[in-house]
Amino acid sequence: MNILGKLIIIGGAVDKGSFTETDIDKNATSNLNFFETGILKRILNESKHKENSRIEVITTASIIPREIGPEYVKAFEYLNAKNVDVLTIERREQAADEEVLARLKAADIVMFTGGDQLRLTSILGGTKFHDILLDKYHNEEFIYAGTSAGAAAASNNMIYQGSSSEALLKGEVKISSGLGLIDGVIIDTHFVQRGRIGRLFQAVVGNPRVLGIGLGEDTGLLITNNMQMEAIGSGLVILVDGREIKDTNLTKVELGQPISISHLVTHVMSKFDTYNLETHKMHIQSSHYV
């Protein structure tokens, strides 16, 4: 199935610049490199209408939506985006509101902010808003961008809880259903900074068909046609491939006991590297061997 939309998932802490100060221009110089080459600029460049795109910032996952939403609006506007607003959905009934649905239908880009991914899916899952979101992603030149919780919720399977330090103890990683834009992957965020690799190991060993994706902060993936992935941003993307696992004690140990895994394959991607979800081949842009 040919998917017309693009998925941009970000590991969190997007360096969008902080415009809480009164003098925006004073701080612009230090952030200029980010604005020209960073993730938010890439989101605009990938959109059909570029700076004229209709952008809706969706803060549903956050417990401080009225603080976080305007920050993204200011950052996009500084990049010359001309049509940006915050779409407030804090209760399930709002996800059926005709005005909210009309705004989603008109959007070229939706930007899901960070927060709690379980809050995001429990409010939006199964609503008319969710149906329209999936339809637009499959059938229109549309961008779903999500950072932190907004990224974790994009796949069918979603990690929503699990201690980093105890992640390789059986049962410590909690998985639920996400928004279902992409299948065959499971996404974790704030990956390097919070030491979450064990969470992905446990998620993948439970179903080795699923590719684990660990996104570092201010790092993301651009996914086209739910198949071709390109690393964007300043940090690292870790991929965990369980298809070649040779052995594990997962089904033999009790809850709370350590999990053993033999022959788990990992890849590390940095900016401009690509990975094909169909062929499972990675291409390093600046390869030592080219």
C-alpha atoms as a PDB file:
ATOM      1  CA  MET A   1       0.000   0.000   0.000  1.00  0.00           C
ATOM      2  CA  ASN A   2       1.407   3.364  -1.047  1.00  0.00           C
ATOM      3  CA  ILE A   3       1.296   5.830   1.845  1.00  0.00           C
ATOM      4  CA  LEU A   4       1.301   9.483   0.809  1.00  0.00           C
ATOM      5  CA  GLY A   5       1.950  10.979   4.241  1.00  0.00           C
ATOM      6  CA  LYS A   6       5.308  11.405   5.956  1.00  0.00           C
ATOM      7  CA  LEU A   7       6.135  10.537   9.544  1.00  0.00           C
ATOM      8  CA  ILE A   8       8.698  12.563  11.504  1.00  0.00           C
ATOM      9  CA  ILE A   9       9.409  11.179  14.966  1.00  0.00           C
ATOM     10  CA  ILE A  10      11.685  13.046  17.380  1.00  0.00           C
ATOM     11  CA  GLY A  11      13.346  11.841  20.577  1.00  0.00           C
ATOM     12  CA  GLY A  12      12.379  14.847  22.695  1.00  0.00           C
ATOM     13  CA  ALA A  13      13.955  18.081  23.919  1.00  0.00           C
ATOM     14  CA  VAL A  14      13.733  19.621  20.448  1.00  0.00           C
ATOM     15  CA  ASP A  15      16.150  22.529  20.440  1.00  0.00           C
ATOM     16  CA  LYS A  16      13.565  24.931  19.066  1.00  0.00           C
ATOM     17  CA  GLY A  17      15.063  27.853  20.975  1.00  0.00           C
ATOM     18  CA  SER A  18      13.415  29.371  24.011  1.00  0.00           C
ATOM     19  CA  PHE A  19      11.512  32.523  23.202  1.00  0.00           C
ATOM     20  CA  THR A  20      10.222  33.174  26.709  1.00  0.00           C
ATOM     21  CA  GLU A  21      12.573  36.151  26.926  1.00  0.00           C
ATOM     22  CA  THR A  22      11.262  39.517  25.797  1.00  0.00           C
ATOM     23  CA  ASP A  23      14.021  40.112  23.263  1.00  0.00           C
ATOM     24  CA  ILE A  24      13.638  37.361  20.667  1.00  0.00           C
ATOM     25  CA  ASP A  25      16.187  38.748  18.231  1.00  0.00           C
ATOM     26  CA  LYS A  26      18.863  38.848  20.909  1.00  0.00           C
ATOM     27  CA  ASN A  27      18.637  35.061  21.245  1.00  0.00           C
ATOM     28  CA  ALA A  28      18.165  34.333  17.573  1.00  0.00           C
ATOM     29  CA  THR A  29      21.860  34.358  16.690  1.00  0.00           C
ATOM     30  CA  SER A  30      22.768  31.466  18.962  1.00  0.00           C
ATOM     31  CA  ASN A  31      19.856  29.430  17.621  1.00  0.00           C
ATOM     32  CA  LEU A  32      20.261  30.348  13.957  1.00  0.00           C
ATOM     33  CA  ASN A  33      22.194  27.226  13.035  1.00  0.00           C
ATOM     34  CA  PHE A  34      19.441  25.081  14.497  1.00  0.00           C
ATOM     35  CA  PHE A  35      16.752  27.001  12.699  1.00  0.00           C
ATOM     36  CA  GLU A  36      18.506  26.611   9.365  1.00  0.00           C
ATOM     37  CA  THR A  37      19.493  22.966   9.675  1.00  0.00           C
ATOM     38  CA  GLY A  38      17.395  21.537  12.488  1.00  0.00           C
ATOM     39  CA  ILE A  39      14.368  19.362  12.768  1.00  0.00           C
ATOM     40  CA  LEU A  40      11.632  22.000  12.714  1.00  0.00           C
ATOM     41  CA  LYS A  41      13.087  23.483   9.540  1.00  0.00           C
ATOM     42  CA  ARG A  42      13.166  20.005   8.007  1.00  0.00           C
ATOM     43  CA  ILE A  43       9.497  19.526   8.884  1.00  0.00           C
ATOM     44  CA  LEU A  44       8.640  22.684   6.952  1.00  0.00           C
ATOM     45  CA  ASN A  45      10.851  21.723   4.003  1.00  0.00           C
ATOM     46  CA  GLU A  46       9.208  18.289   3.731  1.00  0.00           C
ATOM     47  CA  SER A  47       5.723  19.784   3.634  1.00  0.00           C
ATOM     48  CA  LYS A  48       3.947  20.342   0.334  1.00  0.00           C
ATOM     49  CA  HIS A  49       3.355  24.048   0.991  1.00  0.00           C
ATOM     50  CA  LYS A  50       6.572  24.773   2.924  1.00  0.00           C
ATOM     51  CA  GLU A  51       6.223  27.998   4.988  1.00  0.00           C
ATOM     52  CA  ASN A  52       2.622  28.390   3.812  1.00  0.00           C
ATOM     53  CA  SER A  53       1.597  25.059   5.341  1.00  0.00           C
ATOM     54  CA  ARG A  54      -1.295  24.959   7.765  1.00  0.00           C
ATOM     55  CA  ILE A  55       0.302  23.709  11.028  1.00  0.00           C
ATOM     56  CA  GLU A  56      -1.598  22.541  14.101  1.00  0.00           C
ATOM     57  CA  VAL A  57       0.383  22.056  17.321  1.00  0.00           C
ATOM     58  CA  ILE A  58      -1.377  19.391  19.414  1.00  0.00           C
ATOM     59  CA  THR A  59      -0.563  19.481  23.127  1.00  0.00           C
ATOM     60  CA  THR A  60      -2.867  16.681  24.309  1.00  0.00           C
ATOM     61  CA  ALA A  61      -0.034  14.656  25.873  1.00  0.00           C
ATOM     62  CA  SER A  62       1.138  17.548  28.045  1.00  0.00           C
ATOM     63  CA  ILE A  63      -0.096  18.546  31.503  1.00  0.00           C
ATOM     64  CA  ILE A  64       1.020  22.128  30.777  1.00  0.00           C
ATOM     65  CA  PRO A  65      -0.459  22.611  27.277  1.00  0.00           C
ATOM     66  CA  ARG A  66      -0.940  26.369  27.613  1.00  0.00           C
ATOM     67  CA  GLU A  67       2.765  26.823  28.279  1.00  0.00           C
ATOM     68  CA  ILE A  68       4.194  24.406  25.748  1.00  0.00           C
ATOM     69  CA  GLY A  69       1.953  25.129  22.756  1.00  0.00           C
ATOM     70  CA  PRO A  70       2.899  28.803  22.279  1.00  0.00           C
ATOM     71  CA  GLU A  71       6.615  27.879  22.395  1.00  0.00           C
ATOM     72  CA  TYR A  72       6.211  25.742  19.287  1.00  0.00           C
ATOM     73  CA  VAL A  73       4.115  28.417  17.582  1.00  0.00           C
ATOM     74  CA  LYS A  74       6.875  30.984  18.162  1.00  0.00           C
ATOM     75  CA  ALA A  75       9.562  28.618  16.905  1.00  0.00           C
ATOM     76  CA  PHE A  76       7.685  27.785  13.696  1.00  0.00           C
ATOM     77  CA  GLU A  77       6.837  31.445  13.127  1.00  0.00           C
ATOM     78  CA  TYR A  78      10.502  32.364  13.516  1.00  0.00           C
ATOM     79  CA  LEU A  79      11.150  29.977  10.641  1.00  0.00           C
ATOM     80  CA  ASN A  80       8.680  32.077   8.593  1.00  0.00           C
ATOM     81  CA  ALA A  81       5.774  29.656   8.928  1.00  0.00           C
ATOM     82  CA  LYS A  82       2.721  31.802   8.285  1.00  0.00           C
ATOM     83  CA  ASN A  83      -0.188  29.664   9.468  1.00  0.00           C
ATOM     84  CA  VAL A  84       0.453  28.051  12.867  1.00  0.00           C
ATOM     85  CA  ASP A  85      -1.916  27.527  15.776  1.00  0.00           C
ATOM     86  CA  VAL A  86      -2.448  25.339  18.840  1.00  0.00           C
ATOM     87  CA  LEU A  87      -5.252  22.782  18.606  1.00  0.00           C
ATOM     88  CA  THR A  88      -6.450  22.116  22.163  1.00  0.00           C
ATOM     89  CA  ILE A  89      -7.847  18.637  22.866  1.00  0.00           C
ATOM     90  CA  GLU A  90      -7.919  17.825  26.584  1.00  0.00           C
ATOM     91  CA  ARG A  91     -10.998  15.558  26.717  1.00  0.00           C
ATOM     92  CA  ARG A  92     -12.343  12.790  24.470  1.00  0.00           C
ATOM     93  CA  GLU A  93     -15.496  14.740  23.592  1.00  0.00           C
ATOM     94  CA  GLN A  94     -13.336  17.513  22.124  1.00  0.00           C
ATOM     95  CA  ALA A  95     -11.951  14.958  19.647  1.00  0.00           C
ATOM     96  CA  ALA A  96     -15.449  14.796  18.104  1.00  0.00           C
ATOM     97  CA  ASP A  97     -16.006  18.559  17.966  1.00  0.00           C
ATOM     98  CA  GLU A  98     -16.814  19.702  14.421  1.00  0.00           C
ATOM     99  CA  GLU A  99     -14.505  22.714  14.593  1.00  0.00           C
ATOM    100  CA  VAL A 100     -11.609  20.562  15.808  1.00  0.00           C
ATOM    101  CA  LEU A 101     -12.217  18.021  13.042  1.00  0.00           C
ATOM    102  CA  ALA A 102     -12.423  20.757  10.402  1.00  0.00           C
ATOM    103  CA  ARG A 103      -9.064  22.134  11.528  1.00  0.00           C
ATOM    104  CA  LEU A 104      -7.485  18.683  11.332  1.00  0.00           C
ATOM    105  CA  LYS A 105      -8.894  18.164   7.831  1.00  0.00           C
ATOM    106  CA  ALA A 106      -7.377  21.489   6.719  1.00  0.00           C
ATOM    107  CA  ALA A 107      -3.947  20.828   8.257  1.00  0.00           C
ATOM    108  CA  ASP A 108      -0.828  20.075   6.228  1.00  0.00           C
ATOM    109  CA  ILE A 109       1.260  19.356   9.349  1.00  0.00           C
ATOM    110  CA  VAL A 110       0.305  18.219  12.837  1.00  0.00           C
ATOM    111  CA  MET A 111       2.959  18.563  15.540  1.00  0.00           C
ATOM    112  CA  PHE A 112       2.296  16.387  18.596  1.00  0.00           C
ATOM    113  CA  THR A 113       4.238  17.656  21.610  1.00  0.00           C
ATOM    114  CA  GLY A 114       5.743  15.702  24.491  1.00  0.00           C
ATOM    115  CA  GLY A 115       4.121  14.608  27.726  1.00  0.00           C
ATOM    116  CA  ASP A 116       2.442  11.288  28.542  1.00  0.00           C
ATOM    117  CA  GLN A 117       1.831   9.012  25.552  1.00  0.00           C
ATOM    118  CA  LEU A 118      -0.812   7.034  27.463  1.00  0.00           C
ATOM    119  CA  ARG A 119      -2.723  10.277  28.036  1.00  0.00           C
ATOM    120  CA  LEU A 120      -2.460  10.993  24.317  1.00  0.00           C
ATOM    121  CA  THR A 121      -3.756   7.602  23.160  1.00  0.00           C
ATOM    122  CA  SER A 122      -6.460   7.323  25.831  1.00  0.00           C
ATOM    123  CA  ILE A 123      -7.918  10.694  24.777  1.00  0.00           C
ATOM    124  CA  LEU A 124      -7.594  10.348  20.988  1.00  0.00           C
ATOM    125  CA  GLY A 125      -7.722   6.589  20.405  1.00  0.00           C
ATOM    126  CA  GLY A 126     -10.862   5.401  18.605  1.00  0.00           C
ATOM    127  CA  THR A 127     -12.285   8.884  18.093  1.00  0.00           C
ATOM    128  CA  LYS A 128     -13.351  10.547  14.860  1.00  0.00           C
ATOM    129  CA  PHE A 129     -10.193  12.657  15.169  1.00  0.00           C
ATOM    130  CA  HIS A 130      -8.095   9.472  15.168  1.00  0.00           C
ATOM    131  CA  ASP A 131      -9.936   8.138  12.096  1.00  0.00           C
ATOM    132  CA  ILE A 132      -9.346  11.353  10.136  1.00  0.00           C
ATOM    133  CA  LEU A 133      -5.691  11.460  11.225  1.00  0.00           C
ATOM    134  CA  LEU A 134      -5.063   7.954   9.870  1.00  0.00           C
ATOM    135  CA  ASP A 135      -6.967   8.663   6.651  1.00  0.00           C
ATOM    136  CA  LYS A 136      -4.985  11.847   5.996  1.00  0.00           C
ATOM    137  CA  TYR A 137      -1.697  10.082   6.686  1.00  0.00           C
ATOM    138  CA  HIS A 138      -2.481   7.272   4.271  1.00  0.00           C
ATOM    139  CA  ASN A 139      -4.101   9.283   1.477  1.00  0.00           C
ATOM    140  CA  GLU A 140      -2.798  12.880   1.509  1.00  0.00           C
ATOM    141  CA  GLU A 141       0.525  14.735   1.293  1.00  0.00           C
ATOM    142  CA  PHE A 142       0.411  15.242   5.033  1.00  0.00           C
ATOM    143  CA  ILE A 143       3.002  15.254   7.819  1.00  0.00           C
ATOM    144  CA  TYR A 144       2.579  13.727  11.255  1.00  0.00           C
ATOM    145  CA  ALA A 145       5.400  15.083  13.420  1.00  0.00           C
ATOM    146  CA  GLY A 146       5.717  13.990  17.026  1.00  0.00           C
ATOM    147  CA  THR A 147       8.281  14.596  19.730  1.00  0.00           C
ATOM    148  CA  SER A 148       8.754  12.447  22.847  1.00  0.00           C
ATOM    149  CA  ALA A 149       5.235  11.172  23.685  1.00  0.00           C
ATOM    150  CA  GLY A 150       4.052  12.233  20.243  1.00  0.00           C
ATOM    151  CA  ALA A 151       6.739  10.016  18.702  1.00  0.00           C
ATOM    152  CA  ALA A 152       6.245   7.027  21.004  1.00  0.00           C
ATOM    153  CA  ALA A 153       2.509   6.980  20.238  1.00  0.00           C
ATOM    154  CA  ALA A 154       2.930   6.891  16.449  1.00  0.00           C
ATOM    155  CA  SER A 155       3.351   3.109  16.101  1.00  0.00           C
ATOM    156  CA  ASN A 156       0.908   0.240  16.657  1.00  0.00           C
ATOM    157  CA  ASN A 157       2.814  -0.933  19.748  1.00  0.00           C
ATOM    158  CA  MET A 158       3.794   1.696  22.307  1.00  0.00           C
ATOM    159  CA  ILE A 159       6.051   1.661  25.359  1.00  0.00           C
ATOM    160  CA  TYR A 160       4.368   3.728  28.059  1.00  0.00           C
ATOM    161  CA  GLN A 161       6.215   2.774  31.229  1.00  0.00           C
ATOM    162  CA  GLY A 162       9.343   1.013  32.488  1.00  0.00           C
ATOM    163  CA  SER A 163      12.285   1.799  34.715  1.00  0.00           C
ATOM    164  CA  SER A 164      15.515   2.316  32.774  1.00  0.00           C
ATOM    165  CA  SER A 165      17.592   0.697  35.515  1.00  0.00           C
ATOM    166  CA  GLU A 166      15.402  -2.403  35.773  1.00  0.00           C
ATOM    167  CA  ALA A 167      14.294  -2.659  32.155  1.00  0.00           C
ATOM    168  CA  LEU A 168      15.838  -6.094  31.611  1.00  0.00           C
ATOM    169  CA  LEU A 169      13.869  -7.622  34.443  1.00  0.00           C
ATOM    170  CA  LYS A 170      10.912  -9.575  33.091  1.00  0.00           C
ATOM    171  CA  GLY A 171       7.669  -7.599  33.192  1.00  0.00           C
ATOM    172  CA  GLU A 172       9.213  -4.204  33.965  1.00  0.00           C
ATOM    173  CA  VAL A 173       8.436  -2.718  30.533  1.00  0.00           C
ATOM    174  CA  LYS A 174       4.778  -1.870  29.934  1.00  0.00           C
ATOM    175  CA  ILE A 175       3.444  -1.854  26.372  1.00  0.00           C
ATOM    176  CA  SER A 176       0.070  -0.725  25.056  1.00  0.00           C
ATOM    177  CA  SER A 177      -1.503   0.173  21.710  1.00  0.00           C
ATOM    178  CA  GLY A 178      -0.421   3.380  19.992  1.00  0.00           C
ATOM    179  CA  LEU A 179      -2.093   5.493  17.317  1.00  0.00           C
ATOM    180  CA  GLY A 180      -1.148   2.998  14.610  1.00  0.00           C
ATOM    181  CA  LEU A 181       0.393   5.147  11.894  1.00  0.00           C
ATOM    182  CA  ILE A 182       3.183   2.616  11.372  1.00  0.00           C
ATOM    183  CA  ASP A 183       3.433  -1.111  12.077  1.00  0.00           C
ATOM    184  CA  GLY A 184       6.434  -3.368  12.647  1.00  0.00           C
ATOM    185  CA  VAL A 185       8.323  -0.934  14.891  1.00  0.00           C
ATOM    186  CA  ILE A 186       8.278   0.168  18.512  1.00  0.00           C
ATOM    187  CA  ILE A 187       9.654   3.570  19.474  1.00  0.00           C
ATOM    188  CA  ASP A 188      11.370   4.824  22.623  1.00  0.00           C
ATOM    189  CA  THR A 189      12.450   8.422  23.217  1.00  0.00           C
ATOM    190  CA  HIS A 190      14.966  10.402  25.331  1.00  0.00           C
ATOM    191  CA  PHE A 191      16.885   7.242  24.570  1.00  0.00           C
ATOM    192  CA  VAL A 192      20.565   7.955  25.107  1.00  0.00           C
ATOM    193  CA  GLN A 193      20.187  10.544  27.867  1.00  0.00           C
ATOM    194  CA  ARG A 194      17.931   8.359  30.035  1.00  0.00           C
ATOM    195  CA  GLY A 195      19.684   5.051  29.356  1.00  0.00           C
ATOM    196  CA  ARG A 196      16.648   3.296  27.936  1.00  0.00           C
ATOM    197  CA  ILE A 197      18.278   0.672  25.744  1.00  0.00           C
ATOM    198  CA  GLY A 198      17.149  -2.107  28.103  1.00  0.00           C
ATOM    199  CA  ARG A 199      13.515  -1.096  27.551  1.00  0.00           C
ATOM    200  CA  LEU A 200      13.866  -1.690  23.818  1.00  0.00           C
ATOM    201  CA  PHE A 201      15.678  -5.001  24.358  1.00  0.00           C
ATOM    202  CA  GLN A 202      12.749  -6.336  26.380  1.00  0.00           C
ATOM    203  CA  ALA A 203      10.175  -4.959  23.916  1.00  0.00           C
ATOM    204  CA  VAL A 204      11.940  -6.626  20.988  1.00  0.00           C
ATOM    205  CA  VAL A 205      12.662 -10.009  22.592  1.00  0.00           C
ATOM    206  CA  GLY A 206       8.949 -10.411  23.269  1.00  0.00           C
ATOM    207  CA  ASN A 207       8.261 -10.162  19.516  1.00  0.00           C
ATOM    208  CA  PRO A 208      11.459 -10.167  17.426  1.00  0.00           C
ATOM    209  CA  ARG A 209       9.566  -9.205  14.268  1.00  0.00           C
ATOM    210  CA  VAL A 210       9.240  -5.681  15.673  1.00  0.00           C
ATOM    211  CA  LEU A 211      12.188  -3.325  15.068  1.00  0.00           C
ATOM    212  CA  GLY A 212      13.098  -1.287  18.126  1.00  0.00           C
ATOM    213  CA  ILE A 213      13.793   2.401  17.462  1.00  0.00           C
ATOM    214  CA  GLY A 214      15.565   4.442  20.144  1.00  0.00           C
ATOM    215  CA  LEU A 215      15.617   8.194  19.502  1.00  0.00           C
ATOM    216  CA  GLY A 216      18.142  10.448  21.205  1.00  0.00           C
ATOM    217  CA  GLU A 217      17.138  13.970  22.205  1.00  0.00           C
ATOM    218  CA  ASP A 218      16.990  16.503  19.362  1.00  0.00           C
ATOM    219  CA  THR A 219      17.263  13.535  17.016  1.00  0.00           C
ATOM    220  CA  GLY A 220      14.638  12.000  14.819  1.00  0.00           C
ATOM    221  CA  LEU A 221      13.664   9.930  11.823  1.00  0.00           C
ATOM    222  CA  LEU A 222      11.935  10.990   8.649  1.00  0.00           C
ATOM    223  CA  ILE A 223       9.917   7.994   7.442  1.00  0.00           C
ATOM    224  CA  THR A 224       8.452   7.952   3.940  1.00  0.00           C
ATOM    225  CA  ASN A 225       5.924   5.376   2.701  1.00  0.00           C
ATOM    226  CA  ASN A 226       6.344   3.618   6.087  1.00  0.00           C
ATOM    227  CA  MET A 227       9.482   2.082   4.618  1.00  0.00           C
ATOM    228  CA  GLN A 228      12.463   4.399   4.125  1.00  0.00           C
ATOM    229  CA  MET A 229      13.925   6.006   7.263  1.00  0.00           C
ATOM    230  CA  GLU A 230      16.423   8.873   7.337  1.00  0.00           C
ATOM    231  CA  ALA A 231      18.131  10.087  10.524  1.00  0.00           C
ATOM    232  CA  ILE A 232      17.740  13.813  11.139  1.00  0.00           C
ATOM    233  CA  GLY A 233      18.848  16.120  13.928  1.00  0.00           C
ATOM    234  CA  SER A 234      22.027  16.327  15.950  1.00  0.00           C
ATOM    235  CA  GLY A 235      22.249  13.029  17.835  1.00  0.00           C
ATOM    236  CA  LEU A 236      21.903   9.268  17.464  1.00  0.00           C
ATOM    237  CA  VAL A 237      19.214   6.768  16.519  1.00  0.00           C
ATOM    238  CA  ILE A 238      19.634   3.227  17.866  1.00  0.00           C
ATOM    239  CA  LEU A 239      17.933   0.355  16.027  1.00  0.00           C
ATOM    240  CA  VAL A 240      17.383  -2.999  17.753  1.00  0.00           C
ATOM    241  CA  ASP A 241      16.766  -5.909  15.362  1.00  0.00           C
ATOM    242  CA  GLY A 242      15.658  -9.154  16.973  1.00  0.00           C
ATOM    243  CA  ARG A 243      15.127 -11.254  13.857  1.00  0.00           C
ATOM    244  CA  GLU A 244      18.414 -13.116  14.410  1.00  0.00           C
ATOM    245  CA  ILE A 245      17.980 -13.826  18.133  1.00  0.00           C
ATOM    246  CA  LYS A 246      19.272 -17.326  18.781  1.00  0.00           C
ATOM    247  CA  ASP A 247      18.181 -17.916  22.369  1.00  0.00           C
ATOM    248  CA  THR A 248      16.522 -16.318  25.403  1.00  0.00           C
ATOM    249  CA  ASN A 249      15.217 -17.339  28.812  1.00  0.00           C
ATOM    250  CA  LEU A 250      12.179 -15.022  28.514  1.00  0.00           C
ATOM    251  CA  THR A 251       9.524 -17.699  28.971  1.00  0.00           C
ATOM    252  CA  LYS A 252      11.419 -19.620  31.645  1.00  0.00           C
ATOM    253  CA  VAL A 253      12.079 -16.951  34.274  1.00  0.00           C
ATOM    254  CA  GLU A 254       9.622 -15.480  36.760  1.00  0.00           C
ATOM    255  CA  LEU A 255       8.424 -11.887  36.730  1.00  0.00           C
ATOM    256  CA  GLY A 256      11.101  -9.574  38.096  1.00  0.00           C
ATOM    257  CA  GLN A 257      13.985 -11.871  37.106  1.00  0.00           C
ATOM    258  CA  PRO A 258      16.751 -10.888  34.620  1.00  0.00           C
ATOM    259  CA  ILE A 259      16.277 -11.702  30.933  1.00  0.00           C
ATOM    260  CA  SER A 260      19.064 -13.281  28.845  1.00  0.00           C
ATOM    261  CA  ILE A 261      19.222 -12.696  25.083  1.00  0.00           C
ATOM    262  CA  SER A 262      21.698 -14.179  22.601  1.00  0.00           C
ATOM    263  CA  HIS A 263      22.581 -12.532  19.299  1.00  0.00           C
ATOM    264  CA  LEU A 264      20.534  -9.344  19.380  1.00  0.00           C
ATOM    265  CA  VAL A 265      21.608  -7.044  16.511  1.00  0.00           C
ATOM    266  CA  THR A 266      21.910  -3.269  16.946  1.00  0.00           C
ATOM    267  CA  HIS A 267      22.607  -0.440  14.510  1.00  0.00           C
ATOM    268  CA  VAL A 268      23.571   3.165  15.243  1.00  0.00           C
ATOM    269  CA  MET A 269      22.399   5.886  12.857  1.00  0.00           C
ATOM    270  CA  SER A 270      23.486   9.515  12.692  1.00  0.00           C
ATOM    271  CA  LYS A 271      22.404  12.416  10.504  1.00  0.00           C
ATOM    272  CA  PHE A 272      21.623  11.503   6.850  1.00  0.00           C
ATOM    273  CA  ASP A 273      22.042   7.733   7.388  1.00  0.00           C
ATOM    274  CA  THR A 274      19.139   5.676   6.033  1.00  0.00           C
ATOM    275  CA  TYR A 275      17.493   2.350   6.833  1.00  0.00           C
ATOM    276  CA  ASN A 276      14.954   0.456   4.736  1.00  0.00           C
ATOM    277  CA  LEU A 277      12.261  -1.308   6.756  1.00  0.00           C
ATOM    278  CA  GLU A 278      11.480  -3.670   3.887  1.00  0.00           C
ATOM    279  CA  THR A 279      15.007  -4.854   3.063  1.00  0.00           C
ATOM    280  CA  HIS A 280      16.431  -4.245   6.579  1.00  0.00           C
ATOM    281  CA  LYS A 281      19.463  -2.621   4.987  1.00  0.00           C
ATOM    282  CA  MET A 282      21.246   0.394   6.473  1.00  0.00           C
ATOM    283  CA  HIS A 283      23.234   2.909   4.447  1.00  0.00           C
ATOM    284  CA  ILE A 284      25.833   5.063   6.210  1.00  0.00           C
ATOM    285  CA  GLN A 285      26.025   8.382   4.382  1.00  0.00           C
ATOM    286  CA  SER A 286      29.687   9.063   5.194  1.00  0.00           C
ATOM    287  CA  SER A 287      30.890   5.472   5.158  1.00  0.00           C
ATOM    288  CA  HIS A 288      34.533   4.770   5.974  1.00  0.00           C
ATOM    289  CA  TYR A 289      34.554   2.214   3.136  1.00  0.00           C
ATOM    290  CA  VAL A 290      33.280   4.404   0.289  1.00  0.00           C
END
